[in-house]
C-alpha cells in the first residue's frame, strides 16, 4: 500500500515537472521576434500595427523599452507594444478605460 502512494506521488510530480518544462519551452518559442517574412505577410493581408491594444504577453513584436520581442509586453494595453489588427480598425477599437489603439507608440500604460 505504501508503494502505491509513493508511485502516485512520483507520477504526479513527474506530470507537474513535464508541464512546467512544456510551459517554459512554449514561452521561449513565442518570445522570438516576428520574422520579416511574417510581418510582410501580415501587412500584405491588410493588417496594420496597432499600439496599446495587446494584452500582457500577447504583443506581436519589439515595441520599445520593456519589450524586446513577441510576447514580452508586461501590462495589458501597454502603449509601446503593438499587435497586428485588421487594417482600418486600430484607432476605432473599444478598450477598457476609454483607451484607444494608435498607429504610433503611446506613453500610457508603460511599465516603469
PDB file of N, CA and C in Angstrom:
ATOM      1  N   UNK A   1       0.829  -1.185   0.000  1.00  0.00           N
ATOM      2  CA  UNK A   1       0.000   0.000   0.000  1.00  0.00           C
ATOM      3  C   UNK A   1       0.872   1.247   0.000  1.00  0.00           C
ATOM      4  N   UNK A   2       1.959   1.252   0.778  1.00  0.00           N
ATOM      5  CA  UNK A   2       2.868   2.392   0.800  1.00  0.00           C
ATOM      6  C   UNK A   2       3.505   2.627  -0.550  1.00  0.00           C
ATOM      7  N   UNK A   3       3.761   1.551  -1.301  1.00  0.00           N
ATOM      8  CA  UNK A   3       4.344   1.669  -2.630  1.00  0.00           C
ATOM      9  C   UNK A   3       3.404   2.359  -3.610  1.00  0.00           C
ATOM     10  N   UNK A   4       2.094   2.116  -3.460  1.00  0.00           N
ATOM     11  CA  UNK A   4       1.120   2.745  -4.352  1.00  0.00           C
ATOM     12  C   UNK A   4       1.082   4.249  -4.136  1.00  0.00           C
ATOM     13  N   UNK A   5       1.143   4.686  -2.873  1.00  0.00           N
ATOM     14  CA  UNK A   5       1.126   6.120  -2.565  1.00  0.00           C
ATOM     15  C   UNK A   5       2.369   6.774  -3.134  1.00  0.00           C
ATOM     16  N   UNK A   6       3.511   6.151  -2.930  1.00  0.00           N
ATOM     17  CA  UNK A   6       4.759   6.708  -3.444  1.00  0.00           C
ATOM     18  C   UNK A   6       4.732   6.756  -4.961  1.00  0.00           C
ATOM     19  N   UNK A   7       4.178   5.724  -5.589  1.00  0.00           N
ATOM     20  CA  UNK A   7       4.089   5.682  -7.043  1.00  0.00           C
ATOM     21  C   UNK A   7       3.183   6.802  -7.553  1.00  0.00           C
ATOM     22  N   UNK A   8       2.072   7.038  -6.873  1.00  0.00           N
ATOM     23  CA  UNK A   8       1.153   8.112  -7.265  1.00  0.00           C
ATOM     24  C   UNK A   8       1.834   9.461  -7.117  1.00  0.00           C
ATOM     25  N   UNK A   9       2.555   9.662  -6.023  1.00  0.00           N
ATOM     26  CA  UNK A   9       3.278  10.921  -5.819  1.00  0.00           C
ATOM     27  C   UNK A   9       4.321  11.116  -6.909  1.00  0.00           C
ATOM     28  N   UNK A  10       5.030  10.071  -7.241  1.00  0.00           N
ATOM     29  CA  UNK A  10       6.047  10.164  -8.293  1.00  0.00           C
ATOM     30  C   UNK A  10       5.414  10.510  -9.629  1.00  0.00           C
ATOM     31  N   UNK A  11       4.275   9.897  -9.926  1.00  0.00           N
ATOM     32  CA  UNK A  11       3.579  10.164 -11.185  1.00  0.00           C
ATOM     33  C   UNK A  11       3.101  11.610 -11.236  1.00  0.00           C
ATOM     34  N   UNK A  12       2.518  12.096 -10.137  1.00  0.00           N
ATOM     35  CA  UNK A  12       2.040  13.480 -10.079  1.00  0.00           C
ATOM     36  C   UNK A  12       3.219  14.439 -10.203  1.00  0.00           C
ATOM     37  N   UNK A  13       4.311  14.159  -9.504  1.00  0.00           N
ATOM     38  CA  UNK A  13       5.494  15.020  -9.582  1.00  0.00           C
ATOM     39  C   UNK A  13       6.062  15.050 -10.993  1.00  0.00           C
ATOM     40  N   UNK A  14       6.130  13.905 -11.631  1.00  0.00           N
ATOM     41  CA  UNK A  14       6.653  13.833 -12.998  1.00  0.00           C
ATOM     42  C   UNK A  14       5.749  14.600 -13.959  1.00  0.00           C
ATOM     43  N   UNK A  15       4.439  14.475 -13.782  1.00  0.00           N
ATOM     44  CA  UNK A  15       3.497  15.191 -14.650  1.00  0.00           C
ATOM     45  C   UNK A  15       3.622  16.696 -14.447  1.00  0.00           C
ATOM     46  N   UNK A  16       3.765  17.124 -13.198  1.00  0.00           N
ATOM     47  CA  UNK A  16       3.922  18.548 -12.901  1.00  0.00           C
ATOM     48  C   UNK A  16       5.201  19.081 -13.534  1.00  0.00           C
ATOM     49  N   UNK A  17       6.286  18.347 -13.388  1.00  0.00           N
ATOM     50  CA  UNK A  17       7.564  18.758 -13.966  1.00  0.00           C
ATOM     51  C   UNK A  17       7.473  18.825 -15.489  1.00  0.00           C
ATOM     52  N   UNK A  18       6.844  17.850 -16.102  1.00  0.00           N
ATOM     53  CA  UNK A  18       6.691  17.847 -17.559  1.00  0.00           C
ATOM     54  C   UNK A  18       5.880  19.057 -18.012  1.00  0.00           C
ATOM     55  N   UNK A  19       4.833  19.392 -17.263  1.00  0.00           N
ATOM     56  CA  UNK A  19       4.022  20.562 -17.591  1.00  0.00           C
ATOM     57  C   UNK A  19       4.813  21.851 -17.470  1.00  0.00           C
ATOM     58  N   UNK A  20       5.633  21.954 -16.425  1.00  0.00           N
ATOM     59  CA  UNK A  20       6.454  23.147 -16.228  1.00  0.00           C
ATOM     60  C   UNK A  20       7.472  23.303 -17.354  1.00  0.00           C
ATOM     61  N   UNK A  21       8.080  22.214 -17.756  1.00  0.00           N
ATOM     62  CA  UNK A  21       9.051  22.256 -18.856  1.00  0.00           C
ATOM     63  C   UNK A  21       8.355  22.647 -20.158  1.00  0.00           C
ATOM     64  N   UNK A  22       7.191  22.080 -20.422  1.00  0.00           N
ATOM     65  CA  UNK A  22       6.446  22.410 -21.643  1.00  0.00           C
ATOM     66  C   UNK A  22       6.067  23.885 -21.666  1.00  0.00           C
ATOM     67  N   UNK A  23       5.653  24.423 -20.515  1.00  0.00           N
ATOM     68  CA  UNK A  23       5.298  25.841 -20.428  1.00  0.00           C
ATOM     69  C   UNK A  23       6.514  26.712 -20.697  1.00  0.00           C
ATOM     70  N   UNK A  24       7.647  26.353 -20.112  1.00  0.00           N
ATOM     71  CA  UNK A  24       8.874  27.122 -20.329  1.00  0.00           C
ATOM     72  C   UNK A  24       9.281  27.099 -21.798  1.00  0.00           C
ATOM     73  N   UNK A  25       9.212  25.938 -22.419  1.00  0.00           N
ATOM     74  CA  UNK A  25       9.567  25.840 -23.836  1.00  0.00           C
ATOM     75  C   UNK A  25       8.609  26.643 -24.703  1.00  0.00           C
ATOM     76  N   UNK A  26       7.337  26.627 -24.375  1.00  0.00           N
ATOM     77  CA  UNK A  26       6.354  27.406 -25.140  1.00  0.00           C
ATOM     78  C   UNK A  26       6.634  28.892 -25.001  1.00  0.00           C
ATOM     79  N   UNK A  27       7.060  29.329 -23.822  1.00  0.00           N
ATOM     80  CA  UNK A  27       7.393  30.741 -23.616  1.00  0.00           C
ATOM     81  C   UNK A  27       8.547  31.151 -24.507  1.00  0.00           C
ATOM     82  N   UNK A  28       9.567  30.314 -24.583  1.00  0.00           N
ATOM     83  CA  UNK A  28      10.709  30.628 -25.438  1.00  0.00           C
ATOM     84  C   UNK A  28      10.304  30.622 -26.904  1.00  0.00           C
ATOM     85  N   UNK A  29       9.425  29.717 -27.272  1.00  0.00           N
ATOM     86  CA  UNK A  29       9.002  29.627 -28.672  1.00  0.00           C
ATOM     87  C   UNK A  29       8.231  30.863 -29.095  1.00  0.00           C
ATOM     88  N   UNK A  30       7.398  31.425 -28.218  1.00  0.00           N
ATOM     89  CA  UNK A  30       6.613  32.600 -28.585  1.00  0.00           C
ATOM     90  C   UNK A  30       7.367  33.888 -28.344  1.00  0.00           C
ATOM     91  N   UNK A  31       8.502  33.839 -27.663  1.00  0.00           N
ATOM     92  CA  UNK A  31       9.259  35.049 -27.369  1.00  0.00           C
ATOM     93  C   UNK A  31      10.299  35.345 -28.440  1.00  0.00           C
ATOM     94  N   UNK A  32      10.132  34.792 -29.606  1.00  0.00           N
ATOM     95  CA  UNK A  32      11.048  35.064 -30.713  1.00  0.00           C
ATOM     96  C   UNK A  32      10.528  36.257 -31.499  1.00  0.00           C
ATOM     97  N   UNK A  33      11.433  37.071 -32.009  1.00  0.00           N
ATOM     98  CA  UNK A  33      10.980  38.206 -32.808  1.00  0.00           C
ATOM     99  C   UNK A  33      10.189  37.735 -34.027  1.00  0.00           C
ATOM    100  N   UNK A  34       9.229  38.528 -34.402  1.00  0.00           N
ATOM    101  CA  UNK A  34       8.461  38.250 -35.609  1.00  0.00           C
ATOM    102  C   UNK A  34       9.411  38.384 -36.786  1.00  0.00           C
ATOM    103  N   UNK A  35       9.454  37.403 -37.657  1.00  0.00           N
ATOM    104  CA  UNK A  35      10.372  37.471 -38.792  1.00  0.00           C
ATOM    105  C   UNK A  35       9.874  38.503 -39.797  1.00  0.00           C
ATOM    106  N   UNK A  36      10.788  38.970 -40.649  1.00  0.00           N
ATOM    107  CA  UNK A  36      10.405  39.925 -41.689  1.00  0.00           C
ATOM    108  C   UNK A  36       9.338  39.319 -42.599  1.00  0.00           C
ATOM    109  N   UNK A  37       9.477  38.028 -42.903  1.00  0.00           N
ATOM    110  CA  UNK A  37       8.505  37.356 -43.768  1.00  0.00           C
ATOM    111  C   UNK A  37       7.122  37.326 -43.113  1.00  0.00           C
ATOM    112  N   UNK A  38       7.073  37.047 -41.802  1.00  0.00           N
ATOM    113  CA  UNK A  38       5.791  37.025 -41.097  1.00  0.00           C
ATOM    114  C   UNK A  38       5.163  38.415 -41.061  1.00  0.00           C
ATOM    115  N   UNK A  39       5.985  39.421 -40.797  1.00  0.00           N
ATOM    116  CA  UNK A  39       5.484  40.798 -40.765  1.00  0.00           C
ATOM    117  C   UNK A  39       4.977  41.217 -42.144  1.00  0.00           C
ATOM    118  N   UNK A  40       5.738  40.888 -43.185  1.00  0.00           N
ATOM    119  CA  UNK A  40       5.338  41.237 -44.551  1.00  0.00           C
ATOM    120  C   UNK A  40       4.032  40.531 -44.917  1.00  0.00           C
ATOM    121  N   UNK A  41       3.913  39.267 -44.543  1.00  0.00           N
ATOM    122  CA  UNK A  41       2.691  38.515 -44.838  1.00  0.00           C
ATOM    123  C   UNK A  41       1.482  39.154 -44.155  1.00  0.00           C
ATOM    124  N   UNK A  42       1.666  39.594 -42.910  1.00  0.00           N
ATOM    125  CA  UNK A  42       0.565  40.244 -42.194  1.00  0.00           C
ATOM    126  C   UNK A  42       0.176  41.550 -42.874  1.00  0.00           C
ATOM    127  N   UNK A  43       1.174  42.340 -43.254  1.00  0.00           N
ATOM    128  CA  UNK A  43       0.903  43.615 -43.922  1.00  0.00           C
ATOM    129  C   UNK A  43       0.235  43.365 -45.283  1.00  0.00           C
ATOM    130  N   UNK A  44       0.717  42.374 -46.011  1.00  0.00           N
ATOM    131  CA  UNK A  44       0.127  42.035 -47.312  1.00  0.00           C
ATOM    132  C   UNK A  44      -1.324  41.561 -47.166  1.00  0.00           C
ATOM    133  N   UNK A  45      -1.647  41.007 -46.006  1.00  0.00           N
ATOM    134  CA  UNK A  45      -3.005  40.522 -45.748  1.00  0.00           C
ATOM    135  C   UNK A  45      -3.916  41.641 -45.235  1.00  0.00           C
ATOM    136  N   UNK A  46      -3.413  42.880 -45.273  1.00  0.00           N
ATOM    137  CA  UNK A  46      -4.238  44.012 -44.865  1.00  0.00           C
ATOM    138  C   UNK A  46      -4.201  44.318 -43.384  1.00  0.00           C
ATOM    139  N   UNK A  47      -3.218  43.788 -42.678  1.00  0.00           N
ATOM    140  CA  UNK A  47      -3.089  44.064 -41.247  1.00  0.00           C
ATOM    141  C   UNK A  47      -2.287  45.349 -41.048  1.00  0.00           C
ATOM    142  N   UNK A  48      -2.451  45.966 -39.870  1.00  0.00           N
ATOM    143  CA  UNK A  48      -1.657  47.134 -39.515  1.00  0.00           C
ATOM    144  C   UNK A  48      -1.171  46.984 -38.079  1.00  0.00           C
ATOM    145  N   UNK A  49      -0.042  47.619 -37.774  1.00  0.00           N
ATOM    146  CA  UNK A  49       0.481  47.608 -36.413  1.00  0.00           C
ATOM    147  C   UNK A  49      -0.370  48.559 -35.583  1.00  0.00           C
ATOM    148  N   UNK A  50      -0.843  48.079 -34.454  1.00  0.00           N
ATOM    149  CA  UNK A  50      -1.683  48.889 -33.582  1.00  0.00           C
ATOM    150  C   UNK A  50      -1.096  48.870 -32.173  1.00  0.00           C
ATOM    151  N   UNK A  51      -0.698  50.038 -31.692  1.00  0.00           N
ATOM    152  CA  UNK A  51      -0.087  50.166 -30.373  1.00  0.00           C
ATOM    153  C   UNK A  51      -1.157  50.306 -29.293  1.00  0.00           C
ATOM    154  N   UNK A  52      -0.867  49.710 -28.128  1.00  0.00           N
ATOM    155  CA  UNK A  52      -1.723  49.885 -26.961  1.00  0.00           C
ATOM    156  C   UNK A  52      -2.956  49.006 -26.906  1.00  0.00           C
ATOM    157  N   UNK A  53      -3.013  47.956 -27.715  1.00  0.00           N
ATOM    158  CA  UNK A  53      -4.203  47.095 -27.716  1.00  0.00           C
ATOM    159  C   UNK A  53      -3.919  45.667 -27.253  1.00  0.00           C
ATOM    160  N   UNK A  54      -2.658  45.283 -27.175  1.00  0.00           N
ATOM    161  CA  UNK A  54      -2.312  43.899 -26.829  1.00  0.00           C
ATOM    162  C   UNK A  54      -2.453  43.648 -25.332  1.00  0.00           C
ATOM    163  N   UNK A  55      -2.919  42.474 -25.001  1.00  0.00           N
ATOM    164  CA  UNK A  55      -2.937  42.055 -23.607  1.00  0.00           C
ATOM    165  C   UNK A  55      -1.526  41.655 -23.199  1.00  0.00           C
ATOM    166  N   UNK A  56      -1.279  41.643 -21.910  1.00  0.00           N
ATOM    167  CA  UNK A  56       0.023  41.270 -21.364  1.00  0.00           C
ATOM    168  C   UNK A  56       0.520  39.979 -22.010  1.00  0.00           C
ATOM    169  N   UNK A  57       1.753  40.027 -22.550  1.00  0.00           N
ATOM    170  CA  UNK A  57       2.369  38.847 -23.138  1.00  0.00           C
ATOM    171  C   UNK A  57       1.853  38.464 -24.509  1.00  0.00           C
ATOM    172  N   UNK A  58       1.004  39.303 -25.113  1.00  0.00           N
ATOM    173  CA  UNK A  58       0.426  38.938 -26.407  1.00  0.00           C
ATOM    174  C   UNK A  58       0.752  39.936 -27.516  1.00  0.00           C
ATOM    175  N   UNK A  59       1.777  40.769 -27.301  1.00  0.00           N
ATOM    176  CA  UNK A  59       2.174  41.689 -28.375  1.00  0.00           C
ATOM    177  C   UNK A  59       2.873  40.905 -29.478  1.00  0.00           C
ATOM    178  N   UNK A  60       2.907  41.478 -30.672  1.00  0.00           N
ATOM    179  CA  UNK A  60       3.462  40.753 -31.814  1.00  0.00           C
ATOM    180  C   UNK A  60       4.963  40.915 -31.991  1.00  0.00           C
ATOM    181  N   UNK A  61       5.553  41.998 -31.520  1.00  0.00           N
ATOM    182  CA  UNK A  61       6.999  42.124 -31.703  1.00  0.00           C
ATOM    183  C   UNK A  61       7.561  43.275 -30.891  1.00  0.00           C
ATOM    184  N   UNK A  62       8.844  43.573 -31.130  1.00  0.00           N
ATOM    185  CA  UNK A  62       9.550  44.617 -30.397  1.00  0.00           C
ATOM    186  C   UNK A  62       8.759  45.908 -30.420  1.00  0.00           C
ATOM    187  N   UNK A  63       8.765  46.612 -29.298  1.00  0.00           N
ATOM    188  CA  UNK A  63       7.952  47.813 -29.218  1.00  0.00           C
ATOM    189  C   UNK A  63       8.560  48.901 -28.356  1.00  0.00           C
ATOM    190  N   UNK A  64       9.840  48.832 -28.076  1.00  0.00           N
ATOM    191  CA  UNK A  64      10.458  49.878 -27.265  1.00  0.00           C
ATOM    192  C   UNK A  64      10.888  49.353 -25.916  1.00  0.00           C
ATOM    193  N   UNK A  65      11.287  50.265 -25.025  1.00  0.00           N
ATOM    194  CA  UNK A  65      11.767  49.862 -23.705  1.00  0.00           C
ATOM    195  C   UNK A  65      10.754  48.982 -22.981  1.00  0.00           C
ATOM    196  N   UNK A  66      11.232  47.908 -22.408  1.00  0.00           N
ATOM    197  CA  UNK A  66      10.365  46.996 -21.679  1.00  0.00           C
ATOM    198  C   UNK A  66       9.855  45.841 -22.521  1.00  0.00           C
ATOM    199  N   UNK A  67      10.051  45.913 -23.841  1.00  0.00           N
ATOM    200  CA  UNK A  67       9.676  44.804 -24.717  1.00  0.00           C
ATOM    201  C   UNK A  67      10.816  44.575 -25.690  1.00  0.00           C
ATOM    202  N   UNK A  68      11.168  43.335 -25.901  1.00  0.00           N
ATOM    203  CA  UNK A  68      12.264  43.027 -26.812  1.00  0.00           C
ATOM    204  C   UNK A  68      11.820  42.185 -27.983  1.00  0.00           C
ATOM    205  N   UNK A  69      10.741  41.477 -27.823  1.00  0.00           N
ATOM    206  CA  UNK A  69      10.282  40.621 -28.906  1.00  0.00           C
ATOM    207  C   UNK A  69       8.852  40.187 -28.652  1.00  0.00           C
ATOM    208  N   UNK A  70       8.351  39.381 -29.544  1.00  0.00           N
ATOM    209  CA  UNK A  70       6.978  38.892 -29.487  1.00  0.00           C
ATOM    210  C   UNK A  70       6.650  38.303 -28.121  1.00  0.00           C
ATOM    211  N   UNK A  71       5.540  38.727 -27.547  1.00  0.00           N
ATOM    212  CA  UNK A  71       5.076  38.159 -26.283  1.00  0.00           C
ATOM    213  C   UNK A  71       5.734  38.705 -25.041  1.00  0.00           C
ATOM    214  N   UNK A  72       6.430  39.851 -25.118  1.00  0.00           N
ATOM    215  CA  UNK A  72       7.156  40.347 -23.951  1.00  0.00           C
ATOM    216  C   UNK A  72       6.529  41.563 -23.290  1.00  0.00           C
ATOM    217  N   UNK A  73       5.352  42.000 -23.718  1.00  0.00           N
ATOM    218  CA  UNK A  73       4.714  43.118 -23.017  1.00  0.00           C
ATOM    219  C   UNK A  73       4.366  42.650 -21.608  1.00  0.00           C
ATOM    220  N   UNK A  74       4.472  43.560 -20.648  1.00  0.00           N
ATOM    221  CA  UNK A  74       4.301  43.164 -19.254  1.00  0.00           C
ATOM    222  C   UNK A  74       3.022  43.683 -18.618  1.00  0.00           C
ATOM    223  N   UNK A  75       2.284  44.526 -19.321  1.00  0.00           N
ATOM    224  CA  UNK A  75       0.999  45.005 -18.814  1.00  0.00           C
ATOM    225  C   UNK A  75      -0.027  44.989 -19.951  1.00  0.00           C
ATOM    226  N   UNK A  76      -1.284  44.859 -19.604  1.00  0.00           N
ATOM    227  CA  UNK A  76      -2.344  44.941 -20.605  1.00  0.00           C
ATOM    228  C   UNK A  76      -2.362  46.330 -21.223  1.00  0.00           C
ATOM    229  N   UNK A  77      -2.560  46.391 -22.514  1.00  0.00           N
ATOM    230  CA  UNK A  77      -2.701  47.638 -23.275  1.00  0.00           C
ATOM    231  C   UNK A  77      -1.461  48.528 -23.186  1.00  0.00           C
ATOM    232  N   UNK A  78      -0.298  47.891 -23.047  1.00  0.00           N
ATOM    233  CA  UNK A  78       0.973  48.622 -22.944  1.00  0.00           C
ATOM    234  C   UNK A  78       1.136  49.516 -24.174  1.00  0.00           C
ATOM    235  N   UNK A  79       1.328  50.811 -23.933  1.00  0.00           N
ATOM    236  CA  UNK A  79       1.330  51.791 -25.014  1.00  0.00           C
ATOM    237  C   UNK A  79       2.438  51.656 -26.033  1.00  0.00           C
ATOM    238  N   UNK A  80       3.571  51.078 -25.638  1.00  0.00           N
ATOM    239  CA  UNK A  80       4.677  50.936 -26.592  1.00  0.00           C
ATOM    240  C   UNK A  80       4.756  49.530 -27.181  1.00  0.00           C
ATOM    241  N   UNK A  81       3.720  48.732 -26.958  1.00  0.00           N
ATOM    242  CA  UNK A  81       3.658  47.375 -27.512  1.00  0.00           C
ATOM    243  C   UNK A  81       2.588  47.346 -28.599  1.00  0.00           C
ATOM    244  N   UNK A  82       2.914  46.683 -29.725  1.00  0.00           N
ATOM    245  CA  UNK A  82       1.931  46.643 -30.813  1.00  0.00           C
ATOM    246  C   UNK A  82       1.513  45.230 -31.153  1.00  0.00           C
ATOM    247  N   UNK A  83       0.372  45.165 -31.805  1.00  0.00           N
ATOM    248  CA  UNK A  83      -0.195  43.899 -32.273  1.00  0.00           C
ATOM    249  C   UNK A  83      -0.777  44.158 -33.656  1.00  0.00           C
ATOM    250  N   UNK A  84      -0.672  43.166 -34.533  1.00  0.00           N
ATOM    251  CA  UNK A  84      -1.313  43.301 -35.838  1.00  0.00           C
ATOM    252  C   UNK A  84      -2.826  43.190 -35.670  1.00  0.00           C
ATOM    253  N   UNK A  85      -3.552  44.112 -36.297  1.00  0.00           N
ATOM    254  CA  UNK A  85      -5.020  44.082 -36.309  1.00  0.00           C
ATOM    255  C   UNK A  85      -5.476  44.304 -37.749  1.00  0.00           C
ATOM    256  N   UNK A  86      -6.731  44.056 -38.021  1.00  0.00           N
ATOM    257  CA  UNK A  86      -7.265  44.305 -39.358  1.00  0.00           C
ATOM    258  C   UNK A  86      -7.085  45.773 -39.720  1.00  0.00           C
ATOM    259  N   UNK A  87      -6.657  46.020 -40.948  1.00  0.00           N
ATOM    260  CA  UNK A  87      -6.434  47.378 -41.410  1.00  0.00           C
ATOM    261  C   UNK A  87      -7.663  48.258 -41.224  1.00  0.00           C
ATOM    262  N   UNK A  88      -7.435  49.479 -40.740  1.00  0.00           N
ATOM    263  CA  UNK A  88      -8.517  50.431 -40.549  1.00  0.00           C
ATOM    264  C   UNK A  88      -9.280  50.305 -39.248  1.00  0.00           C
ATOM    265  N   UNK A  89      -8.914  49.334 -38.397  1.00  0.00           N
ATOM    266  CA  UNK A  89      -9.659  49.138 -37.145  1.00  0.00           C
ATOM    267  C   UNK A  89      -8.923  49.633 -35.908  1.00  0.00           C
ATOM    268  N   UNK A  90      -7.648  49.911 -36.030  1.00  0.00           N
ATOM    269  CA  UNK A  90      -6.826  50.216 -34.857  1.00  0.00           C
ATOM    270  C   UNK A  90      -7.386  51.355 -34.008  1.00  0.00           C
ATOM    271  N   UNK A  91      -7.593  52.490 -34.602  1.00  0.00           N
ATOM    272  CA  UNK A  91      -7.973  53.672 -33.821  1.00  0.00           C
ATOM    273  C   UNK A  91      -9.444  53.686 -33.418  1.00  0.00           C
ATOM    274  N   UNK A  92     -10.211  52.710 -33.866  1.00  0.00           N
ATOM    275  CA  UNK A  92     -11.632  52.662 -33.506  1.00  0.00           C
ATOM    276  C   UNK A  92     -11.953  51.536 -32.529  1.00  0.00           C
ATOM    277  N   UNK A  93     -10.942  50.788 -32.103  1.00  0.00           N
ATOM    278  CA  UNK A  93     -11.174  49.678 -31.174  1.00  0.00           C
ATOM    279  C   UNK A  93     -11.620  50.218 -29.819  1.00  0.00           C
ATOM    280  N   UNK A  94     -12.645  49.606 -29.236  1.00  0.00           N
ATOM    281  CA  UNK A  94     -13.099  49.982 -27.899  1.00  0.00           C
ATOM    282  C   UNK A  94     -12.328  49.159 -26.884  1.00  0.00           C
ATOM    283  N   UNK A  95     -11.609  49.853 -26.020  1.00  0.00           N
ATOM    284  CA  UNK A  95     -10.795  49.204 -24.999  1.00  0.00           C
ATOM    285  C   UNK A  95     -11.219  49.727 -23.633  1.00  0.00           C
ATOM    286  N   UNK A  96     -10.925  49.005 -22.562  1.00  0.00           N
ATOM    287  CA  UNK A  96     -11.296  49.458 -21.219  1.00  0.00           C
ATOM    288  C   UNK A  96     -10.677  50.815 -20.873  1.00  0.00           C
ATOM    289  N   UNK A  97     -11.368  51.569 -20.053  1.00  0.00           N
ATOM    290  CA  UNK A  97     -10.835  52.826 -19.538  1.00  0.00           C
ATOM    291  C   UNK A  97     -10.696  53.920 -20.582  1.00  0.00           C
ATOM    292  N   UNK A  98     -11.561  53.951 -21.555  1.00  0.00           N
ATOM    293  CA  UNK A  98     -11.516  54.974 -22.615  1.00  0.00           C
ATOM    294  C   UNK A  98     -10.209  54.977 -23.395  1.00  0.00           C
ATOM    295  N   UNK A  99      -9.505  53.858 -23.405  1.00  0.00           N
ATOM    296  CA  UNK A  99      -8.278  53.749 -24.201  1.00  0.00           C
ATOM    297  C   UNK A  99      -8.659  53.566 -25.664  1.00  0.00           C
ATOM    298  N   UNK A 100      -7.762  53.951 -26.534  1.00  0.00           N
ATOM    299  CA  UNK A 100      -7.903  53.725 -27.975  1.00  0.00           C
ATOM    300  C   UNK A 100      -6.575  53.193 -28.490  1.00  0.00           C
ATOM    301  N   UNK A 101      -6.627  52.423 -29.553  1.00  0.00           N
ATOM    302  CA  UNK A 101      -5.411  51.982 -30.209  1.00  0.00           C
ATOM    303  C   UNK A 101      -4.800  53.148 -30.968  1.00  0.00           C
ATOM    304  N   UNK A 102      -3.521  53.019 -31.316  1.00  0.00           N
ATOM    305  CA  UNK A 102      -2.816  54.081 -32.029  1.00  0.00           C
ATOM    306  C   UNK A 102      -1.881  53.470 -33.063  1.00  0.00           C
ATOM    307  N   UNK A 103      -1.688  54.173 -34.165  1.00  0.00           N
ATOM    308  CA  UNK A 103      -0.757  53.717 -35.202  1.00  0.00           C
ATOM    309  C   UNK A 103       0.688  54.054 -34.847  1.00  0.00           C
ATOM    310  N   UNK A 104       0.885  54.816 -33.766  1.00  0.00           N
ATOM    311  CA  UNK A 104       2.227  55.139 -33.265  1.00  0.00           C
ATOM    312  C   UNK A 104       2.291  54.787 -31.783  1.00  0.00           C
ATOM    313  N   UNK A 105       3.496  54.610 -31.275  1.00  0.00           N
ATOM    314  CA  UNK A 105       3.680  54.242 -29.872  1.00  0.00           C
ATOM    315  C   UNK A 105       3.067  55.293 -28.950  1.00  0.00           C
ATOM    316  N   UNK A 106       2.533  54.824 -27.831  1.00  0.00           N
ATOM    317  CA  UNK A 106       1.897  55.682 -26.836  1.00  0.00           C
ATOM    318  C   UNK A 106       2.727  55.703 -25.560  1.00  0.00           C
ATOM    319  N   UNK A 107       2.555  56.740 -24.755  1.00  0.00           N
ATOM    320  CA  UNK A 107       3.294  56.819 -23.489  1.00  0.00           C
ATOM    321  C   UNK A 107       2.473  56.276 -22.321  1.00  0.00           C
ATOM    322  N   UNK A 108       1.240  55.868 -22.546  1.00  0.00           N
ATOM    323  CA  UNK A 108       0.403  55.360 -21.458  1.00  0.00           C
ATOM    324  C   UNK A 108       0.658  53.873 -21.200  1.00  0.00           C
ATOM    325  N   UNK A 109       0.381  53.465 -19.978  1.00  0.00           N
ATOM    326  CA  UNK A 109       0.469  52.056 -19.580  1.00  0.00           C
ATOM    327  C   UNK A 109       1.820  51.430 -19.914  1.00  0.00           C
ATOM    328  N   UNK A 110       2.882  52.211 -19.735  1.00  0.00           N
ATOM    329  CA  UNK A 110       4.234  51.703 -19.976  1.00  0.00           C
ATOM    330  C   UNK A 110       4.831  51.359 -18.617  1.00  0.00           C
ATOM    331  N   UNK A 111       5.363  50.146 -18.443  1.00  0.00           N
ATOM    332  CA  UNK A 111       5.938  49.775 -17.145  1.00  0.00           C
ATOM    333  C   UNK A 111       7.107  50.680 -16.786  1.00  0.00           C
ATOM    334  N   UNK A 112       7.240  50.940 -15.492  1.00  0.00           N
ATOM    335  CA  UNK A 112       8.336  51.825 -15.055  1.00  0.00           C
ATOM    336  C   UNK A 112       9.618  51.080 -14.840  1.00  0.00           C
TER     337      UNK A 112
END
